[in-house]
Amino acid sequence: MEDPLHLGDLVEYYADKRKATVVGEVIELPNRRKQVRIKVLDSPLPELRGQEWSIGHLKLLKAEGDPRARFGGQSDYSEALVEIRDRVVRHLPWDLRPVAYTKRPRKELYLAYEPGGVAYHVDVSPKGLVVKLTLNVKDEEKRKAAYEALQAKEGAIRHALGEVRFNWTGTPPWAVLEQITWPGEDGPRPVDIDLTAQRLTLYITTLQPMLNNL
């Protein structure tokens, strides 16, 4: 969630373990670990109402209007992911086209590059639609070189991509990430598909030239 939270705000959260979306009230603002304390007000599972949870702020969506908790989520987002994949591959220049990609994506799409382990992902769930670059390179020297090459150009990357998140530790193996939207149980809308295809294309055209000489 990018917008600042206030005490009393209504938020939606998809509780993966319970397979349900809840609507809660913010009762404590983010702490040092960026955990927000919410009280569950509405849920399709009555036993959850009244419980208090600490949730990472990026997993919350502000609830607008009359809150309605919904049972959580599709298991297959293949139609949207195939559309994103085909648009991106079609618009990439020849020298930046992937060596492999997910043939039948359901919840995750990846476009793979050399060296093996360099991949651009789109992950979709009721919790969020995420675009990220992972550097799960088995060759330790090349893996280290990949992170160092990107970290050295962090300013240029931020200038090109905007407010993305960086991870230079290698654990977990993603390096650049952003949450595009919160598609909810109905999956990505046409506007989400448009934006994700644009962002994924920009990720590849910005980042991959920095990794081509590993």
N, C-alpha and C. Protein backbone atom coordinates (compact mmCIF):
# COMPACT_ATOMS: atom_id res chain seq x y z
N MET A 1 0.85 -1.19 0.00
CA MET A 1 0.00 0.00 0.00
C MET A 1 0.88 1.23 0.00
N GLU A 2 0.66 2.14 -0.98
CA GLU A 2 1.48 3.34 -1.10
C GLU A 2 0.91 4.52 -0.30
N ASP A 3 -0.44 4.64 -0.23
CA ASP A 3 -1.06 5.75 0.48
C ASP A 3 -0.82 5.61 1.98
N PRO A 4 -0.59 6.73 2.69
CA PRO A 4 -0.38 6.63 4.13
C PRO A 4 -1.64 6.17 4.85
N LEU A 5 -1.44 5.38 5.88
CA LEU A 5 -2.55 4.89 6.68
C LEU A 5 -2.81 5.82 7.85
N HIS A 6 -4.06 5.80 8.33
CA HIS A 6 -4.45 6.54 9.51
C HIS A 6 -5.22 5.61 10.43
N LEU A 7 -5.18 5.88 11.71
CA LEU A 7 -5.97 5.11 12.65
C LEU A 7 -7.44 5.18 12.26
N GLY A 8 -8.11 4.04 12.28
CA GLY A 8 -9.52 4.00 11.92
C GLY A 8 -9.78 3.71 10.46
N ASP A 9 -8.74 3.73 9.59
CA ASP A 9 -8.94 3.39 8.18
C ASP A 9 -9.45 1.95 8.05
N LEU A 10 -10.29 1.74 7.06
CA LEU A 10 -10.73 0.39 6.71
C LEU A 10 -9.81 -0.17 5.64
N VAL A 11 -9.38 -1.41 5.84
CA VAL A 11 -8.47 -2.05 4.88
C VAL A 11 -8.96 -3.47 4.59
N GLU A 12 -8.59 -3.95 3.41
CA GLU A 12 -8.85 -5.34 3.05
C GLU A 12 -7.54 -6.11 3.06
N TYR A 13 -7.64 -7.38 3.46
CA TYR A 13 -6.46 -8.24 3.51
C TYR A 13 -6.88 -9.65 3.13
N TYR A 14 -6.11 -10.26 2.23
CA TYR A 14 -6.39 -11.65 1.86
C TYR A 14 -5.57 -12.57 2.76
N ALA A 15 -6.27 -13.32 3.59
CA ALA A 15 -5.63 -14.25 4.52
C ALA A 15 -5.44 -15.58 3.81
N ASP A 16 -4.24 -15.81 3.31
CA ASP A 16 -3.98 -16.97 2.47
C ASP A 16 -4.28 -18.29 3.18
N LYS A 17 -3.86 -18.41 4.43
CA LYS A 17 -4.05 -19.67 5.14
C LYS A 17 -5.53 -20.00 5.35
N ARG A 18 -6.35 -18.95 5.41
CA ARG A 18 -7.79 -19.15 5.64
C ARG A 18 -8.60 -19.06 4.35
N LYS A 19 -7.92 -18.71 3.24
CA LYS A 19 -8.56 -18.62 1.92
C LYS A 19 -9.76 -17.68 1.96
N ALA A 20 -9.60 -16.55 2.62
CA ALA A 20 -10.69 -15.58 2.72
C ALA A 20 -10.12 -14.17 2.82
N THR A 21 -10.88 -13.21 2.28
CA THR A 21 -10.54 -11.80 2.42
C THR A 21 -11.30 -11.24 3.61
N VAL A 22 -10.61 -10.44 4.43
CA VAL A 22 -11.27 -9.82 5.57
C VAL A 22 -11.20 -8.30 5.41
N VAL A 23 -12.12 -7.62 6.05
CA VAL A 23 -12.08 -6.17 6.16
C VAL A 23 -11.77 -5.84 7.61
N GLY A 24 -10.76 -5.00 7.81
CA GLY A 24 -10.37 -4.67 9.17
C GLY A 24 -10.22 -3.17 9.36
N GLU A 25 -10.11 -2.78 10.62
CA GLU A 25 -9.88 -1.39 11.00
C GLU A 25 -8.46 -1.26 11.51
N VAL A 26 -7.75 -0.22 11.05
CA VAL A 26 -6.39 0.02 11.52
C VAL A 26 -6.45 0.52 12.96
N ILE A 27 -5.82 -0.23 13.86
CA ILE A 27 -5.83 0.17 15.27
C ILE A 27 -4.44 0.57 15.76
N GLU A 28 -3.38 0.21 14.99
CA GLU A 28 -2.03 0.68 15.28
C GLU A 28 -1.33 0.92 13.96
N LEU A 29 -0.62 2.05 13.85
CA LEU A 29 0.09 2.38 12.63
C LEU A 29 1.37 1.55 12.51
N PRO A 30 2.00 1.53 11.32
CA PRO A 30 3.17 0.66 11.12
C PRO A 30 4.26 0.86 12.16
N ASN A 31 4.80 -0.26 12.64
CA ASN A 31 5.91 -0.21 13.58
C ASN A 31 7.23 -0.25 12.80
N ARG A 32 8.32 -0.49 13.50
CA ARG A 32 9.63 -0.49 12.83
C ARG A 32 9.74 -1.59 11.79
N ARG A 33 8.99 -2.65 11.97
CA ARG A 33 9.00 -3.76 11.00
C ARG A 33 7.93 -3.56 9.93
N LYS A 34 7.32 -2.36 9.91
CA LYS A 34 6.28 -2.01 8.94
C LYS A 34 5.07 -2.93 9.03
N GLN A 35 4.80 -3.39 10.26
CA GLN A 35 3.62 -4.20 10.54
C GLN A 35 2.50 -3.29 11.04
N VAL A 36 1.32 -3.44 10.45
CA VAL A 36 0.14 -2.66 10.84
C VAL A 36 -0.78 -3.55 11.67
N ARG A 37 -1.28 -3.03 12.76
CA ARG A 37 -2.21 -3.79 13.61
C ARG A 37 -3.63 -3.49 13.16
N ILE A 38 -4.39 -4.53 12.81
CA ILE A 38 -5.79 -4.35 12.41
C ILE A 38 -6.70 -5.21 13.27
N LYS A 39 -7.95 -4.76 13.37
CA LYS A 39 -8.99 -5.54 14.02
C LYS A 39 -9.99 -5.96 12.94
N VAL A 40 -10.23 -7.26 12.83
CA VAL A 40 -11.11 -7.78 11.78
C VAL A 40 -12.56 -7.40 12.11
N LEU A 41 -13.19 -6.68 11.19
CA LEU A 41 -14.58 -6.26 11.36
C LEU A 41 -15.55 -7.15 10.61
N ASP A 42 -15.15 -7.60 9.43
CA ASP A 42 -16.06 -8.35 8.58
C ASP A 42 -15.29 -9.46 7.89
N SER A 43 -15.89 -10.63 7.79
CA SER A 43 -15.26 -11.77 7.17
C SER A 43 -16.32 -12.79 6.81
N PRO A 44 -16.12 -13.54 5.72
CA PRO A 44 -17.04 -14.64 5.44
C PRO A 44 -16.90 -15.78 6.44
N LEU A 45 -15.85 -15.74 7.27
CA LEU A 45 -15.66 -16.73 8.33
C LEU A 45 -15.95 -16.05 9.66
N PRO A 46 -17.10 -16.30 10.24
CA PRO A 46 -17.50 -15.56 11.46
C PRO A 46 -16.48 -15.62 12.59
N GLU A 47 -15.73 -16.73 12.69
CA GLU A 47 -14.80 -16.88 13.81
C GLU A 47 -13.63 -15.90 13.74
N LEU A 48 -13.43 -15.27 12.58
CA LEU A 48 -12.33 -14.32 12.45
C LEU A 48 -12.69 -12.93 12.95
N ARG A 49 -13.97 -12.64 13.02
CA ARG A 49 -14.40 -11.29 13.41
C ARG A 49 -13.97 -10.98 14.83
N GLY A 50 -13.41 -9.80 15.00
CA GLY A 50 -12.95 -9.38 16.32
C GLY A 50 -11.50 -9.72 16.60
N GLN A 51 -10.89 -10.57 15.78
CA GLN A 51 -9.48 -10.90 15.99
C GLN A 51 -8.60 -9.71 15.62
N GLU A 52 -7.44 -9.63 16.27
CA GLU A 52 -6.47 -8.58 15.96
C GLU A 52 -5.22 -9.21 15.37
N TRP A 53 -4.80 -8.66 14.22
CA TRP A 53 -3.66 -9.21 13.50
C TRP A 53 -2.65 -8.12 13.20
N SER A 54 -1.36 -8.50 13.13
CA SER A 54 -0.31 -7.61 12.64
C SER A 54 0.05 -8.04 11.23
N ILE A 55 -0.08 -7.12 10.26
CA ILE A 55 0.06 -7.43 8.85
C ILE A 55 1.07 -6.46 8.22
N GLY A 56 1.91 -6.96 7.34
CA GLY A 56 2.80 -6.09 6.58
C GLY A 56 2.00 -5.08 5.76
N HIS A 57 2.41 -3.82 5.78
CA HIS A 57 1.58 -2.77 5.18
C HIS A 57 1.40 -2.95 3.68
N LEU A 58 2.35 -3.61 3.00
CA LEU A 58 2.22 -3.79 1.55
C LEU A 58 1.14 -4.81 1.18
N LYS A 59 0.67 -5.57 2.15
CA LYS A 59 -0.35 -6.58 1.88
C LYS A 59 -1.77 -6.07 2.12
N LEU A 60 -1.89 -4.78 2.44
CA LEU A 60 -3.20 -4.22 2.75
C LEU A 60 -3.67 -3.32 1.61
N LEU A 61 -4.97 -3.32 1.40
CA LEU A 61 -5.60 -2.44 0.44
C LEU A 61 -6.67 -1.65 1.16
N LYS A 62 -6.67 -0.33 0.95
CA LYS A 62 -7.72 0.47 1.58
C LYS A 62 -9.08 0.05 1.04
N ALA A 63 -10.02 -0.17 1.94
CA ALA A 63 -11.39 -0.53 1.55
C ALA A 63 -12.17 0.75 1.31
N GLU A 64 -12.85 0.80 0.19
CA GLU A 64 -13.62 1.99 -0.16
C GLU A 64 -15.11 1.66 -0.10
N GLY A 65 -15.88 2.66 0.34
CA GLY A 65 -17.33 2.48 0.38
C GLY A 65 -17.73 1.47 1.43
N ASP A 66 -18.81 0.74 1.14
CA ASP A 66 -19.35 -0.23 2.06
C ASP A 66 -18.52 -1.50 2.00
N PRO A 67 -17.79 -1.86 3.07
CA PRO A 67 -16.89 -3.01 2.98
C PRO A 67 -17.64 -4.32 2.81
N ARG A 68 -17.06 -5.19 1.97
CA ARG A 68 -17.66 -6.50 1.76
C ARG A 68 -16.53 -7.53 1.70
N ALA A 69 -16.49 -8.43 2.65
CA ALA A 69 -15.47 -9.47 2.63
C ALA A 69 -15.86 -10.54 1.63
N ARG A 70 -14.87 -11.03 0.90
CA ARG A 70 -15.16 -12.00 -0.15
C ARG A 70 -14.33 -13.25 0.09
N PHE A 71 -14.87 -14.38 -0.35
CA PHE A 71 -14.08 -15.59 -0.30
C PHE A 71 -12.94 -15.49 -1.30
N GLY A 72 -11.78 -16.00 -0.91
CA GLY A 72 -10.57 -15.69 -1.65
C GLY A 72 -10.25 -16.66 -2.73
N GLY A 73 -9.96 -16.48 -3.71
CA GLY A 73 -9.35 -16.23 -4.88
C GLY A 73 -9.31 -17.27 -5.95
N GLN A 74 -9.09 -16.84 -7.12
CA GLN A 74 -8.90 -17.72 -8.25
C GLN A 74 -7.63 -18.54 -8.06
N SER A 75 -7.62 -19.72 -8.65
CA SER A 75 -6.39 -20.50 -8.67
C SER A 75 -5.72 -20.42 -10.03
N ASP A 76 -6.36 -19.73 -10.98
CA ASP A 76 -5.84 -19.72 -12.34
C ASP A 76 -6.04 -18.33 -12.95
N TYR A 77 -4.93 -17.66 -13.24
CA TYR A 77 -4.95 -16.35 -13.87
C TYR A 77 -4.33 -16.44 -15.26
N SER A 78 -4.47 -17.60 -15.89
CA SER A 78 -3.73 -17.88 -17.12
C SER A 78 -4.06 -16.92 -18.24
N GLU A 79 -5.32 -16.56 -18.39
CA GLU A 79 -5.70 -15.70 -19.51
C GLU A 79 -4.98 -14.36 -19.44
N ALA A 80 -4.96 -13.75 -18.25
CA ALA A 80 -4.29 -12.46 -18.09
C ALA A 80 -2.79 -12.60 -18.27
N LEU A 81 -2.19 -13.67 -17.72
CA LEU A 81 -0.74 -13.83 -17.80
C LEU A 81 -0.28 -14.11 -19.22
N VAL A 82 -1.04 -14.90 -19.97
CA VAL A 82 -0.68 -15.15 -21.37
C VAL A 82 -0.75 -13.85 -22.17
N GLU A 83 -1.77 -13.03 -21.90
CA GLU A 83 -1.89 -11.75 -22.59
C GLU A 83 -0.69 -10.86 -22.28
N ILE A 84 -0.29 -10.80 -21.02
CA ILE A 84 0.88 -10.01 -20.63
C ILE A 84 2.13 -10.54 -21.32
N ARG A 85 2.32 -11.86 -21.26
CA ARG A 85 3.51 -12.47 -21.88
C ARG A 85 3.61 -12.16 -23.36
N ASP A 86 2.51 -12.37 -24.08
CA ASP A 86 2.55 -12.19 -25.53
C ASP A 86 2.79 -10.73 -25.92
N ARG A 87 2.21 -9.81 -25.16
CA ARG A 87 2.44 -8.39 -25.45
C ARG A 87 3.90 -8.03 -25.25
N VAL A 88 4.47 -8.49 -24.14
CA VAL A 88 5.85 -8.13 -23.82
C VAL A 88 6.80 -8.71 -24.86
N VAL A 89 6.69 -10.00 -25.15
CA VAL A 89 7.60 -10.63 -26.11
C VAL A 89 7.47 -9.98 -27.48
N ARG A 90 6.26 -9.63 -27.85
CA ARG A 90 6.03 -9.01 -29.16
C ARG A 90 6.72 -7.65 -29.29
N HIS A 91 6.81 -6.92 -28.17
CA HIS A 91 7.33 -5.56 -28.23
C HIS A 91 8.80 -5.45 -27.86
N LEU A 92 9.41 -6.53 -27.41
CA LEU A 92 10.83 -6.48 -27.07
C LEU A 92 11.67 -6.50 -28.34
N PRO A 93 12.81 -5.78 -28.37
CA PRO A 93 13.74 -5.91 -29.50
C PRO A 93 14.32 -7.32 -29.53
N TRP A 94 14.80 -7.74 -30.69
CA TRP A 94 15.26 -9.12 -30.85
C TRP A 94 16.35 -9.48 -29.85
N ASP A 95 17.26 -8.56 -29.59
CA ASP A 95 18.38 -8.90 -28.71
C ASP A 95 17.99 -8.98 -27.24
N LEU A 96 16.75 -8.63 -26.91
CA LEU A 96 16.29 -8.70 -25.52
C LEU A 96 15.15 -9.70 -25.33
N ARG A 97 14.91 -10.52 -26.33
CA ARG A 97 13.86 -11.53 -26.17
C ARG A 97 14.37 -12.68 -25.29
N PRO A 98 13.49 -13.26 -24.48
CA PRO A 98 13.91 -14.30 -23.53
C PRO A 98 14.32 -15.59 -24.23
N VAL A 99 15.14 -16.38 -23.54
CA VAL A 99 15.52 -17.69 -24.07
C VAL A 99 14.45 -18.73 -23.76
N ALA A 100 13.60 -18.44 -22.78
CA ALA A 100 12.49 -19.34 -22.43
C ALA A 100 11.46 -18.54 -21.65
N TYR A 101 10.24 -19.05 -21.63
CA TYR A 101 9.20 -18.42 -20.81
C TYR A 101 8.14 -19.46 -20.46
N THR A 102 7.28 -19.10 -19.52
CA THR A 102 6.25 -20.02 -19.06
C THR A 102 5.25 -20.27 -20.17
N LYS A 103 5.10 -21.54 -20.54
CA LYS A 103 4.18 -21.88 -21.64
C LYS A 103 2.72 -21.84 -21.19
N ARG A 104 2.45 -22.34 -19.99
CA ARG A 104 1.07 -22.39 -19.49
C ARG A 104 1.01 -21.78 -18.09
N PRO A 105 1.15 -20.47 -17.99
CA PRO A 105 1.14 -19.84 -16.66
C PRO A 105 -0.24 -19.91 -16.02
N ARG A 106 -0.27 -20.13 -14.72
CA ARG A 106 -1.53 -20.11 -13.97
C ARG A 106 -1.53 -18.97 -12.96
N LYS A 107 -0.52 -18.95 -12.11
CA LYS A 107 -0.39 -17.89 -11.10
C LYS A 107 0.90 -17.10 -11.28
N GLU A 108 1.83 -17.65 -12.05
CA GLU A 108 3.14 -17.01 -12.19
C GLU A 108 3.61 -17.10 -13.64
N LEU A 109 4.14 -16.01 -14.12
CA LEU A 109 4.76 -15.95 -15.44
C LEU A 109 6.23 -15.62 -15.26
N TYR A 110 7.11 -16.34 -15.96
CA TYR A 110 8.52 -15.95 -15.94
C TYR A 110 9.06 -15.89 -17.35
N LEU A 111 9.98 -14.96 -17.57
CA LEU A 111 10.74 -14.85 -18.81
C LEU A 111 12.21 -15.01 -18.43
N ALA A 112 12.85 -16.04 -18.98
CA ALA A 112 14.19 -16.42 -18.55
C ALA A 112 15.25 -15.92 -19.50
N TYR A 113 16.44 -15.61 -18.93
CA TYR A 113 17.58 -15.10 -19.69
C TYR A 113 18.84 -15.84 -19.25
N GLU A 114 19.89 -15.65 -20.06
CA GLU A 114 21.21 -16.17 -19.69
C GLU A 114 21.94 -15.13 -18.85
N PRO A 115 22.76 -15.58 -17.86
CA PRO A 115 22.96 -16.96 -17.44
C PRO A 115 21.72 -17.52 -16.73
N GLY A 116 21.60 -18.82 -16.72
CA GLY A 116 20.44 -19.45 -16.11
C GLY A 116 20.20 -18.96 -14.69
N GLY A 117 18.97 -18.61 -14.40
CA GLY A 117 18.62 -18.07 -13.08
C GLY A 117 18.23 -16.61 -13.13
N VAL A 118 18.59 -15.93 -14.23
CA VAL A 118 18.12 -14.56 -14.43
C VAL A 118 16.73 -14.63 -15.02
N ALA A 119 15.74 -14.11 -14.34
CA ALA A 119 14.36 -14.22 -14.83
C ALA A 119 13.52 -13.05 -14.33
N TYR A 120 12.59 -12.66 -15.17
CA TYR A 120 11.63 -11.61 -14.85
C TYR A 120 10.29 -12.29 -14.60
N HIS A 121 9.66 -11.97 -13.47
CA HIS A 121 8.45 -12.67 -13.04
C HIS A 121 7.26 -11.72 -12.93
N VAL A 122 6.08 -12.28 -13.15
CA VAL A 122 4.83 -11.66 -12.73
C VAL A 122 4.12 -12.68 -11.87
N ASP A 123 3.86 -12.35 -10.62
CA ASP A 123 3.13 -13.22 -9.70
C ASP A 123 1.77 -12.60 -9.42
N VAL A 124 0.71 -13.41 -9.49
CA VAL A 124 -0.64 -12.91 -9.26
C VAL A 124 -1.32 -13.74 -8.19
N SER A 125 -1.92 -13.05 -7.24
CA SER A 125 -2.75 -13.69 -6.22
C SER A 125 -3.70 -12.63 -5.71
N PRO A 126 -4.71 -13.02 -4.92
CA PRO A 126 -5.58 -11.99 -4.34
C PRO A 126 -4.83 -11.01 -3.44
N LYS A 127 -3.59 -11.33 -3.05
CA LYS A 127 -2.80 -10.42 -2.22
C LYS A 127 -2.12 -9.34 -3.04
N GLY A 128 -1.93 -9.56 -4.32
CA GLY A 128 -1.26 -8.54 -5.12
C GLY A 128 -0.73 -9.08 -6.42
N LEU A 129 -0.46 -8.16 -7.34
CA LEU A 129 0.15 -8.46 -8.62
C LEU A 129 1.55 -7.85 -8.58
N VAL A 130 2.56 -8.71 -8.65
CA VAL A 130 3.94 -8.30 -8.40
C VAL A 130 4.78 -8.53 -9.65
N VAL A 131 5.63 -7.57 -9.97
CA VAL A 131 6.65 -7.70 -11.02
C VAL A 131 8.00 -7.69 -10.33
N LYS A 132 8.89 -8.62 -10.71
CA LYS A 132 10.19 -8.66 -10.06
C LYS A 132 11.23 -9.29 -10.98
N LEU A 133 12.49 -8.96 -10.71
CA LEU A 133 13.65 -9.60 -11.33
C LEU A 133 14.31 -10.47 -10.28
N THR A 134 14.51 -11.75 -10.61
CA THR A 134 15.23 -12.64 -9.70
C THR A 134 16.57 -13.03 -10.31
N LEU A 135 17.57 -13.19 -9.45
CA LEU A 135 18.92 -13.56 -9.87
C LEU A 135 19.32 -14.84 -9.16
N ASN A 136 18.62 -15.91 -9.46
CA ASN A 136 18.86 -17.20 -8.81
C ASN A 136 19.92 -17.98 -9.59
N VAL A 137 21.07 -17.32 -9.79
CA VAL A 137 22.15 -17.86 -10.62
C VAL A 137 22.98 -18.83 -9.79
N LYS A 138 23.20 -20.05 -10.30
CA LYS A 138 23.92 -21.06 -9.53
C LYS A 138 25.41 -20.75 -9.44
N ASP A 139 26.00 -20.22 -10.50
CA ASP A 139 27.41 -19.85 -10.47
C ASP A 139 27.59 -18.67 -9.52
N GLU A 140 28.28 -18.90 -8.41
CA GLU A 140 28.37 -17.90 -7.34
C GLU A 140 29.04 -16.61 -7.83
N GLU A 141 30.07 -16.73 -8.65
CA GLU A 141 30.75 -15.54 -9.14
C GLU A 141 29.84 -14.71 -10.04
N LYS A 142 29.12 -15.37 -10.93
CA LYS A 142 28.21 -14.65 -11.82
C LYS A 142 27.04 -14.06 -11.04
N ARG A 143 26.59 -14.78 -10.03
CA ARG A 143 25.49 -14.28 -9.19
C ARG A 143 25.91 -13.00 -8.48
N LYS A 144 27.10 -13.03 -7.89
CA LYS A 144 27.61 -11.85 -7.19
C LYS A 144 27.81 -10.69 -8.17
N ALA A 145 28.32 -11.01 -9.35
CA ALA A 145 28.55 -9.98 -10.36
C ALA A 145 27.24 -9.35 -10.82
N ALA A 146 26.18 -10.16 -10.90
CA ALA A 146 24.88 -9.65 -11.32
C ALA A 146 24.34 -8.64 -10.32
N TYR A 147 24.39 -8.99 -9.04
CA TYR A 147 23.92 -8.06 -8.01
C TYR A 147 24.77 -6.78 -7.98
N GLU A 148 26.08 -6.95 -8.11
CA GLU A 148 26.96 -5.78 -8.07
C GLU A 148 26.74 -4.87 -9.28
N ALA A 149 26.48 -5.46 -10.45
CA ALA A 149 26.25 -4.66 -11.65
C ALA A 149 25.01 -3.80 -11.51
N LEU A 150 23.97 -4.36 -10.93
CA LEU A 150 22.73 -3.61 -10.74
C LEU A 150 22.87 -2.59 -9.61
N GLN A 151 23.49 -3.01 -8.51
CA GLN A 151 23.63 -2.09 -7.37
C GLN A 151 24.43 -0.86 -7.76
N ALA A 152 25.43 -1.05 -8.62
CA ALA A 152 26.26 0.08 -9.05
C ALA A 152 25.46 1.10 -9.84
N LYS A 153 24.34 0.67 -10.41
CA LYS A 153 23.52 1.57 -11.22
C LYS A 153 22.15 1.80 -10.59
N GLU A 154 22.10 1.69 -9.26
CA GLU A 154 20.82 1.84 -8.56
C GLU A 154 20.17 3.18 -8.87
N GLY A 155 20.93 4.24 -8.91
CA GLY A 155 20.36 5.56 -9.20
C GLY A 155 19.72 5.62 -10.58
N ALA A 156 20.41 5.06 -11.59
CA ALA A 156 19.87 5.06 -12.94
C ALA A 156 18.63 4.19 -13.03
N ILE A 157 18.63 3.07 -12.30
CA ILE A 157 17.46 2.17 -12.30
C ILE A 157 16.27 2.88 -11.67
N ARG A 158 16.50 3.53 -10.55
CA ARG A 158 15.40 4.24 -9.88
C ARG A 158 14.87 5.36 -10.77
N HIS A 159 15.77 6.03 -11.49
CA HIS A 159 15.35 7.09 -12.40
C HIS A 159 14.45 6.53 -13.51
N ALA A 160 14.79 5.34 -14.01
CA ALA A 160 14.02 4.74 -15.11
C ALA A 160 12.73 4.09 -14.65
N LEU A 161 12.79 3.42 -13.49
CA LEU A 161 11.65 2.60 -13.05
C LEU A 161 10.79 3.27 -11.97
N GLY A 162 11.30 4.32 -11.33
CA GLY A 162 10.53 4.96 -10.28
C GLY A 162 10.73 4.29 -8.94
N GLU A 163 9.70 4.33 -8.11
CA GLU A 163 9.83 3.85 -6.73
C GLU A 163 9.66 2.34 -6.65
N VAL A 164 10.73 1.63 -7.01
CA VAL A 164 10.76 0.18 -6.88
C VAL A 164 11.53 -0.19 -5.61
N ARG A 165 11.44 -1.45 -5.21
CA ARG A 165 12.18 -1.93 -4.05
C ARG A 165 13.41 -2.70 -4.52
N PHE A 166 14.51 -2.53 -3.79
CA PHE A 166 15.76 -3.22 -4.10
C PHE A 166 16.11 -4.19 -2.99
N ASN A 167 16.78 -5.27 -3.37
CA ASN A 167 17.30 -6.24 -2.40
C ASN A 167 18.67 -6.68 -2.90
N TRP A 168 19.73 -6.27 -2.21
CA TRP A 168 21.08 -6.60 -2.66
C TRP A 168 21.71 -7.71 -1.82
N THR A 169 20.94 -8.34 -0.95
CA THR A 169 21.52 -9.39 -0.10
C THR A 169 21.57 -10.74 -0.80
N GLY A 170 20.69 -10.94 -1.78
CA GLY A 170 20.63 -12.24 -2.45
C GLY A 170 19.75 -13.24 -1.75
N THR A 171 19.17 -12.86 -0.62
CA THR A 171 18.27 -13.75 0.12
C THR A 171 17.03 -12.99 0.54
N PRO A 172 15.86 -13.28 -0.04
CA PRO A 172 15.61 -14.20 -1.16
C PRO A 172 16.22 -13.66 -2.44
N PRO A 173 16.21 -14.45 -3.53
CA PRO A 173 17.02 -14.09 -4.69
C PRO A 173 16.42 -13.06 -5.64
N TRP A 174 15.47 -12.24 -5.20
CA TRP A 174 15.01 -11.17 -6.07
C TRP A 174 15.88 -9.93 -5.84
N ALA A 175 16.00 -9.12 -6.90
CA ALA A 175 16.83 -7.92 -6.82
C ALA A 175 16.01 -6.64 -6.94
N VAL A 176 15.01 -6.63 -7.81
CA VAL A 176 14.17 -5.45 -8.02
C VAL A 176 12.72 -5.92 -8.05
N LEU A 177 11.84 -5.18 -7.35
CA LEU A 177 10.46 -5.66 -7.20
C LEU A 177 9.53 -4.49 -7.01
N GLU A 178 8.30 -4.66 -7.49
CA GLU A 178 7.24 -3.71 -7.17
C GLU A 178 5.89 -4.42 -7.21
N GLN A 179 4.98 -3.93 -6.38
CA GLN A 179 3.60 -4.39 -6.44
C GLN A 179 2.82 -3.44 -7.34
N ILE A 180 2.22 -3.99 -8.40
CA ILE A 180 1.54 -3.17 -9.39
C ILE A 180 0.14 -2.78 -8.92
N THR A 181 -0.60 -3.76 -8.42
CA THR A 181 -1.99 -3.51 -8.07
C THR A 181 -2.46 -4.62 -7.13
N TRP A 182 -3.66 -4.53 -6.68
CA TRP A 182 -4.28 -5.57 -5.86
C TRP A 182 -5.48 -6.08 -6.64
N PRO A 183 -5.33 -7.18 -7.39
CA PRO A 183 -6.41 -7.58 -8.30
C PRO A 183 -7.62 -8.18 -7.61
N GLY A 184 -7.48 -8.63 -6.36
CA GLY A 184 -8.64 -9.23 -5.69
C GLY A 184 -9.04 -10.55 -6.31
N GLU A 185 -10.18 -11.05 -5.92
CA GLU A 185 -10.61 -12.38 -6.34
C GLU A 185 -10.97 -12.46 -7.81
N ASP A 186 -11.29 -11.34 -8.44
CA ASP A 186 -11.68 -11.36 -9.84
C ASP A 186 -10.48 -11.34 -10.78
N GLY A 187 -9.29 -11.17 -10.25
CA GLY A 187 -8.11 -11.17 -11.08
C GLY A 187 -7.84 -9.82 -11.72
N PRO A 188 -6.76 -9.73 -12.50
CA PRO A 188 -6.37 -8.46 -13.11
C PRO A 188 -7.43 -7.93 -14.06
N ARG A 189 -7.68 -6.62 -13.99
CA ARG A 189 -8.57 -5.93 -14.92
C ARG A 189 -7.79 -5.57 -16.18
N PRO A 190 -8.47 -5.18 -17.26
CA PRO A 190 -7.73 -4.75 -18.47
C PRO A 190 -6.70 -3.68 -18.18
N VAL A 191 -7.02 -2.71 -17.31
CA VAL A 191 -6.05 -1.65 -17.00
C VAL A 191 -4.84 -2.23 -16.26
N ASP A 192 -5.04 -3.26 -15.43
CA ASP A 192 -3.92 -3.90 -14.74
C ASP A 192 -3.03 -4.64 -15.73
N ILE A 193 -3.65 -5.30 -16.69
CA ILE A 193 -2.89 -6.02 -17.72
C ILE A 193 -2.06 -5.04 -18.53
N ASP A 194 -2.67 -3.92 -18.92
CA ASP A 194 -1.94 -2.90 -19.68
C ASP A 194 -0.73 -2.41 -18.91
N LEU A 195 -0.95 -2.04 -17.64
CA LEU A 195 0.12 -1.48 -16.83
C LEU A 195 1.22 -2.51 -16.59
N THR A 196 0.85 -3.75 -16.31
CA THR A 196 1.84 -4.79 -16.03
C THR A 196 2.69 -5.08 -17.26
N ALA A 197 2.06 -5.16 -18.42
CA ALA A 197 2.82 -5.39 -19.65
C ALA A 197 3.81 -4.25 -19.89
N GLN A 198 3.37 -3.02 -19.65
CA GLN A 198 4.26 -1.87 -19.83
C GLN A 198 5.43 -1.91 -18.84
N ARG A 199 5.12 -2.22 -17.58
CA ARG A 199 6.17 -2.23 -16.57
C ARG A 199 7.15 -3.38 -16.80
N LEU A 200 6.65 -4.55 -17.16
CA LEU A 200 7.54 -5.69 -17.39
C LEU A 200 8.46 -5.41 -18.58
N THR A 201 7.93 -4.82 -19.62
CA THR A 201 8.75 -4.44 -20.77
C THR A 201 9.83 -3.44 -20.35
N LEU A 202 9.45 -2.47 -19.52
CA LEU A 202 10.41 -1.47 -19.05
C LEU A 202 11.47 -2.10 -18.17
N TYR A 203 11.08 -3.06 -17.32
CA TYR A 203 12.06 -3.77 -16.50
C TYR A 203 13.12 -4.42 -17.38
N ILE A 204 12.66 -5.14 -18.40
CA ILE A 204 13.60 -5.90 -19.23
C ILE A 204 14.49 -4.96 -20.03
N THR A 205 13.92 -3.93 -20.64
CA THR A 205 14.73 -3.04 -21.47
C THR A 205 15.67 -2.18 -20.64
N THR A 206 15.34 -1.97 -19.36
CA THR A 206 16.22 -1.20 -18.47
C THR A 206 17.31 -2.08 -17.85
N LEU A 207 16.91 -3.24 -17.33
CA LEU A 207 17.81 -4.05 -16.51
C LEU A 207 18.65 -5.05 -17.30
N GLN A 208 18.05 -5.67 -18.31
CA GLN A 208 18.76 -6.75 -18.98
C GLN A 208 20.04 -6.30 -19.69
N PRO A 209 20.09 -5.11 -20.31
CA PRO A 209 21.38 -4.69 -20.88
C PRO A 209 22.50 -4.59 -19.85
N MET A 210 22.15 -4.38 -18.58
CA MET A 210 23.16 -4.32 -17.52
C MET A 210 23.69 -5.70 -17.16
N LEU A 211 22.96 -6.76 -17.59
CA LEU A 211 23.32 -8.12 -17.20
C LEU A 211 23.81 -8.96 -18.37
N ASN A 212 23.82 -8.40 -19.56
CA ASN A 212 24.12 -9.18 -20.77
C ASN A 212 25.57 -9.65 -20.85
N ASN A 213 26.46 -9.00 -20.14
CA ASN A 213 27.90 -9.33 -20.28
C ASN A 213 28.45 -10.13 -19.10
N LEU A 214 27.58 -10.77 -18.34
CA LEU A 214 28.05 -11.54 -17.19
C LEU A 214 28.84 -12.77 -17.65
